[in-house]
Amino acid sequence: MSRFFLILCLTLLLAPPAHADQPEAREVARLNNCSPKKIEVSQNLLGSEGETVYLVTCDLPKTVSADKASGPDAVLIGCEESLCELIRPVSTDKK
């Protein structure tokens, strides 16, 4: 019984740290003036130093003129362990 308890305690103490998820990516997008409309995984790198890249589509206000070229309407956010950072703004293709 004591061996089981010891193994359980060591397992809990040596558990890997929590990884960043969509709420952290959403917060980084909000901090960069992007009101998130849709969040999807763009790239997921596995391994000991894994990283997840999210494509966050922004909810932009409607423009008055349709002939003006709009700027980026999404951002790429990279998350590694529990930290997320903005990679770059991107334009998504409208079909």
N, C-alpha and C. Protein backbone atom coordinates (compact mmCIF):
# COMPACT_ATOMS: atom_id res chain seq x y z
N MET A 1 0.83 -1.19 0.00
CA MET A 1 0.00 0.00 0.00
C MET A 1 0.87 1.25 0.00
N SER A 2 1.94 1.26 0.81
CA SER A 2 2.80 2.44 0.88
C SER A 2 3.55 2.64 -0.44
N ARG A 3 3.88 1.54 -1.12
CA ARG A 3 4.57 1.65 -2.41
C ARG A 3 3.65 2.31 -3.44
N PHE A 4 2.38 1.92 -3.44
CA PHE A 4 1.40 2.52 -4.33
C PHE A 4 1.26 4.01 -4.06
N PHE A 5 1.19 4.39 -2.79
CA PHE A 5 1.07 5.80 -2.42
C PHE A 5 2.30 6.59 -2.85
N LEU A 6 3.48 6.00 -2.70
CA LEU A 6 4.72 6.66 -3.10
C LEU A 6 4.75 6.87 -4.62
N ILE A 7 4.36 5.87 -5.37
CA ILE A 7 4.34 5.99 -6.84
C ILE A 7 3.32 7.04 -7.27
N LEU A 8 2.17 7.06 -6.62
CA LEU A 8 1.15 8.05 -6.94
C LEU A 8 1.65 9.46 -6.68
N CYS A 9 2.31 9.68 -5.55
CA CYS A 9 2.84 11.01 -5.22
C CYS A 9 3.92 11.44 -6.20
N LEU A 10 4.81 10.54 -6.57
CA LEU A 10 5.86 10.88 -7.52
C LEU A 10 5.29 11.19 -8.90
N THR A 11 4.26 10.47 -9.29
CA THR A 11 3.61 10.72 -10.58
C THR A 11 2.98 12.11 -10.61
N LEU A 12 2.35 12.50 -9.53
CA LEU A 12 1.73 13.82 -9.48
C LEU A 12 2.76 14.94 -9.42
N LEU A 13 3.88 14.70 -8.75
CA LEU A 13 4.91 15.73 -8.65
C LEU A 13 5.69 15.90 -9.94
N LEU A 14 5.85 14.82 -10.69
CA LEU A 14 6.64 14.87 -11.91
C LEU A 14 5.79 15.02 -13.16
N ALA A 15 4.54 15.38 -13.00
CA ALA A 15 3.65 15.56 -14.15
C ALA A 15 4.14 16.72 -15.00
N PRO A 16 3.98 16.62 -16.31
CA PRO A 16 4.42 17.72 -17.18
C PRO A 16 3.58 18.97 -16.94
N PRO A 17 4.13 20.15 -17.24
CA PRO A 17 3.38 21.39 -17.05
C PRO A 17 2.21 21.48 -18.01
N ALA A 18 1.23 22.27 -17.63
CA ALA A 18 0.06 22.47 -18.49
C ALA A 18 0.47 23.20 -19.76
N HIS A 19 -0.13 22.82 -20.85
CA HIS A 19 0.19 23.45 -22.13
C HIS A 19 -0.87 24.50 -22.47
N ALA A 20 -0.45 25.48 -23.22
CA ALA A 20 -1.36 26.55 -23.61
C ALA A 20 -2.41 25.99 -24.57
N ASP A 21 -3.59 26.52 -24.48
CA ASP A 21 -4.69 26.04 -25.30
C ASP A 21 -5.38 27.25 -25.94
N GLN A 22 -6.54 27.06 -26.50
CA GLN A 22 -7.25 28.12 -27.20
C GLN A 22 -7.55 29.34 -26.33
N PRO A 23 -7.87 29.22 -25.04
CA PRO A 23 -8.10 30.44 -24.25
C PRO A 23 -6.88 31.37 -24.19
N GLU A 24 -5.69 30.79 -24.10
CA GLU A 24 -4.49 31.62 -24.09
C GLU A 24 -4.27 32.29 -25.44
N ALA A 25 -4.52 31.56 -26.53
CA ALA A 25 -4.40 32.14 -27.88
C ALA A 25 -5.43 33.25 -28.08
N ARG A 26 -6.64 33.04 -27.56
CA ARG A 26 -7.69 34.06 -27.66
C ARG A 26 -7.27 35.34 -26.93
N GLU A 27 -6.66 35.20 -25.77
CA GLU A 27 -6.23 36.36 -25.00
C GLU A 27 -5.12 37.13 -25.72
N VAL A 28 -4.19 36.42 -26.34
CA VAL A 28 -3.13 37.10 -27.11
C VAL A 28 -3.73 37.84 -28.30
N ALA A 29 -4.72 37.25 -28.95
CA ALA A 29 -5.38 37.92 -30.08
C ALA A 29 -6.08 39.19 -29.60
N ARG A 30 -6.77 39.12 -28.48
CA ARG A 30 -7.44 40.32 -27.95
C ARG A 30 -6.45 41.41 -27.60
N LEU A 31 -5.30 41.03 -27.06
CA LEU A 31 -4.28 42.02 -26.71
C LEU A 31 -3.68 42.69 -27.95
N ASN A 32 -3.83 42.05 -29.11
CA ASN A 32 -3.32 42.61 -30.37
C ASN A 32 -4.45 43.13 -31.25
N ASN A 33 -5.52 43.63 -30.63
CA ASN A 33 -6.65 44.28 -31.31
C ASN A 33 -7.35 43.39 -32.32
N CYS A 34 -7.51 42.14 -31.97
CA CYS A 34 -8.23 41.19 -32.83
C CYS A 34 -9.31 40.55 -31.97
N SER A 35 -10.57 40.86 -32.29
CA SER A 35 -11.69 40.23 -31.60
C SER A 35 -11.91 38.87 -32.26
N PRO A 36 -11.56 37.76 -31.59
CA PRO A 36 -11.58 36.45 -32.23
C PRO A 36 -12.97 35.99 -32.65
N LYS A 37 -13.07 35.55 -33.89
CA LYS A 37 -14.31 35.00 -34.41
C LYS A 37 -14.18 33.48 -34.51
N LYS A 38 -13.02 33.00 -34.94
CA LYS A 38 -12.80 31.57 -35.11
C LYS A 38 -11.34 31.26 -34.80
N ILE A 39 -11.11 30.18 -34.04
CA ILE A 39 -9.75 29.75 -33.70
C ILE A 39 -9.58 28.32 -34.17
N GLU A 40 -8.55 28.08 -34.98
CA GLU A 40 -8.29 26.72 -35.44
C GLU A 40 -6.79 26.45 -35.41
N VAL A 41 -6.43 25.19 -35.23
CA VAL A 41 -5.03 24.80 -35.19
C VAL A 41 -4.49 24.82 -36.61
N SER A 42 -3.43 25.58 -36.80
CA SER A 42 -2.80 25.67 -38.12
C SER A 42 -1.66 24.67 -38.24
N GLN A 43 -0.91 24.50 -37.15
CA GLN A 43 0.24 23.60 -37.16
C GLN A 43 0.46 23.09 -35.75
N ASN A 44 0.81 21.82 -35.63
CA ASN A 44 1.05 21.23 -34.32
C ASN A 44 2.36 20.47 -34.38
N LEU A 45 3.40 20.97 -33.72
CA LEU A 45 4.70 20.32 -33.71
C LEU A 45 4.83 19.50 -32.44
N LEU A 46 5.16 18.23 -32.60
CA LEU A 46 5.28 17.33 -31.47
C LEU A 46 6.74 17.23 -31.01
N GLY A 47 6.94 16.70 -29.84
CA GLY A 47 8.28 16.49 -29.32
C GLY A 47 8.42 17.07 -27.93
N SER A 48 9.65 17.05 -27.42
CA SER A 48 9.87 17.54 -26.06
C SER A 48 9.64 19.04 -25.96
N GLU A 49 9.87 19.76 -27.04
CA GLU A 49 9.61 21.21 -27.06
C GLU A 49 8.55 21.49 -28.11
N GLY A 50 7.40 20.87 -27.97
CA GLY A 50 6.33 21.00 -28.94
C GLY A 50 5.75 22.40 -28.98
N GLU A 51 5.17 22.74 -30.10
CA GLU A 51 4.57 24.05 -30.29
C GLU A 51 3.28 23.89 -31.08
N THR A 52 2.29 24.68 -30.74
CA THR A 52 1.03 24.70 -31.48
C THR A 52 0.85 26.09 -32.06
N VAL A 53 0.54 26.16 -33.35
CA VAL A 53 0.30 27.44 -34.02
C VAL A 53 -1.19 27.52 -34.34
N TYR A 54 -1.83 28.58 -33.86
CA TYR A 54 -3.25 28.80 -34.07
C TYR A 54 -3.46 29.89 -35.11
N LEU A 55 -4.45 29.69 -35.97
CA LEU A 55 -4.91 30.72 -36.90
C LEU A 55 -6.18 31.29 -36.31
N VAL A 56 -6.12 32.55 -35.89
CA VAL A 56 -7.26 33.21 -35.26
C VAL A 56 -7.85 34.21 -36.26
N THR A 57 -9.07 33.95 -36.69
CA THR A 57 -9.77 34.85 -37.60
C THR A 57 -10.42 35.95 -36.77
N CYS A 58 -10.18 37.19 -37.19
CA CYS A 58 -10.68 38.35 -36.45
C CYS A 58 -12.06 38.77 -36.93
N ASP A 59 -12.86 39.26 -36.02
CA ASP A 59 -14.18 39.79 -36.34
C ASP A 59 -14.01 41.29 -36.57
N LEU A 60 -13.85 41.67 -37.85
CA LEU A 60 -13.59 43.06 -38.20
C LEU A 60 -14.89 43.79 -38.52
N PRO A 61 -14.92 45.10 -38.30
CA PRO A 61 -16.13 45.86 -38.67
C PRO A 61 -16.28 45.93 -40.18
N LYS A 62 -17.49 46.08 -40.64
CA LYS A 62 -17.78 46.19 -42.07
C LYS A 62 -17.19 47.49 -42.62
N THR A 63 -16.64 47.43 -43.83
CA THR A 63 -16.12 48.62 -44.48
C THR A 63 -17.20 49.24 -45.35
N VAL A 64 -17.10 50.55 -45.55
CA VAL A 64 -18.10 51.27 -46.34
C VAL A 64 -17.90 50.98 -47.82
N SER A 65 -16.66 50.99 -48.27
CA SER A 65 -16.37 50.81 -49.68
C SER A 65 -15.86 49.40 -49.94
N ALA A 66 -16.38 48.74 -50.95
CA ALA A 66 -15.97 47.38 -51.27
C ALA A 66 -14.71 47.35 -52.13
N ASP A 67 -14.34 48.47 -52.76
CA ASP A 67 -13.18 48.48 -53.64
C ASP A 67 -11.87 48.70 -52.89
N LYS A 68 -11.93 49.06 -51.64
CA LYS A 68 -10.70 49.25 -50.87
C LYS A 68 -10.10 47.89 -50.50
N ALA A 69 -8.79 47.79 -50.62
CA ALA A 69 -8.11 46.55 -50.22
C ALA A 69 -8.00 46.54 -48.71
N SER A 70 -8.55 45.52 -48.12
CA SER A 70 -8.51 45.45 -46.66
C SER A 70 -7.19 44.86 -46.21
N GLY A 71 -6.84 45.13 -44.98
CA GLY A 71 -5.62 44.61 -44.42
C GLY A 71 -5.79 43.19 -43.92
N PRO A 72 -4.88 42.75 -43.08
CA PRO A 72 -4.97 41.39 -42.54
C PRO A 72 -6.24 41.20 -41.73
N ASP A 73 -6.85 40.03 -41.88
CA ASP A 73 -8.07 39.75 -41.13
C ASP A 73 -7.92 38.55 -40.20
N ALA A 74 -6.66 38.12 -39.98
CA ALA A 74 -6.39 37.01 -39.07
C ALA A 74 -4.97 37.18 -38.51
N VAL A 75 -4.69 36.46 -37.45
CA VAL A 75 -3.35 36.47 -36.87
C VAL A 75 -2.91 35.04 -36.61
N LEU A 76 -1.60 34.81 -36.71
CA LEU A 76 -1.02 33.54 -36.35
C LEU A 76 -0.43 33.68 -34.95
N ILE A 77 -0.77 32.77 -34.06
CA ILE A 77 -0.30 32.82 -32.68
C ILE A 77 0.37 31.49 -32.36
N GLY A 78 1.61 31.56 -31.90
CA GLY A 78 2.36 30.36 -31.53
C GLY A 78 2.35 30.17 -30.03
N CYS A 79 2.05 28.95 -29.59
CA CYS A 79 2.02 28.63 -28.17
C CYS A 79 3.01 27.51 -27.89
N GLU A 80 3.87 27.75 -26.91
CA GLU A 80 4.85 26.77 -26.50
C GLU A 80 4.76 26.64 -24.99
N GLU A 81 4.52 25.43 -24.51
CA GLU A 81 4.24 25.15 -23.10
C GLU A 81 3.07 26.01 -22.64
N SER A 82 3.28 26.96 -21.75
CA SER A 82 2.15 27.76 -21.27
C SER A 82 2.22 29.21 -21.75
N LEU A 83 3.09 29.49 -22.72
CA LEU A 83 3.25 30.85 -23.23
C LEU A 83 2.81 30.93 -24.69
N CYS A 84 2.07 31.98 -25.00
CA CYS A 84 1.65 32.23 -26.38
C CYS A 84 2.15 33.60 -26.81
N GLU A 85 2.48 33.72 -28.11
CA GLU A 85 2.93 35.00 -28.65
C GLU A 85 2.44 35.16 -30.07
N LEU A 86 2.29 36.40 -30.47
CA LEU A 86 1.87 36.72 -31.82
C LEU A 86 3.02 36.44 -32.78
N ILE A 87 2.74 35.70 -33.84
CA ILE A 87 3.77 35.45 -34.87
C ILE A 87 3.68 36.53 -35.94
N ARG A 88 2.50 36.68 -36.56
CA ARG A 88 2.31 37.73 -37.56
C ARG A 88 0.83 37.81 -37.95
N PRO A 89 0.41 38.97 -38.46
CA PRO A 89 -0.93 39.08 -39.02
C PRO A 89 -0.93 38.49 -40.43
N VAL A 90 -2.05 37.89 -40.82
CA VAL A 90 -2.18 37.29 -42.15
C VAL A 90 -3.52 37.65 -42.76
N SER A 91 -3.61 37.53 -44.07
CA SER A 91 -4.87 37.73 -44.77
C SER A 91 -5.38 36.37 -45.22
N THR A 92 -6.63 36.07 -44.90
CA THR A 92 -7.22 34.83 -45.35
C THR A 92 -7.89 35.05 -46.69
N ASP A 93 -7.96 34.01 -47.48
CA ASP A 93 -8.58 34.11 -48.82
C ASP A 93 -10.08 34.06 -48.68
N LYS A 94 -10.76 35.02 -49.30
CA LYS A 94 -12.22 35.06 -49.33
C LYS A 94 -12.68 34.42 -50.62
N LYS A 95 -13.46 33.35 -50.53
CA LYS A 95 -13.92 32.66 -51.75
C LYS A 95 -15.39 32.84 -51.91
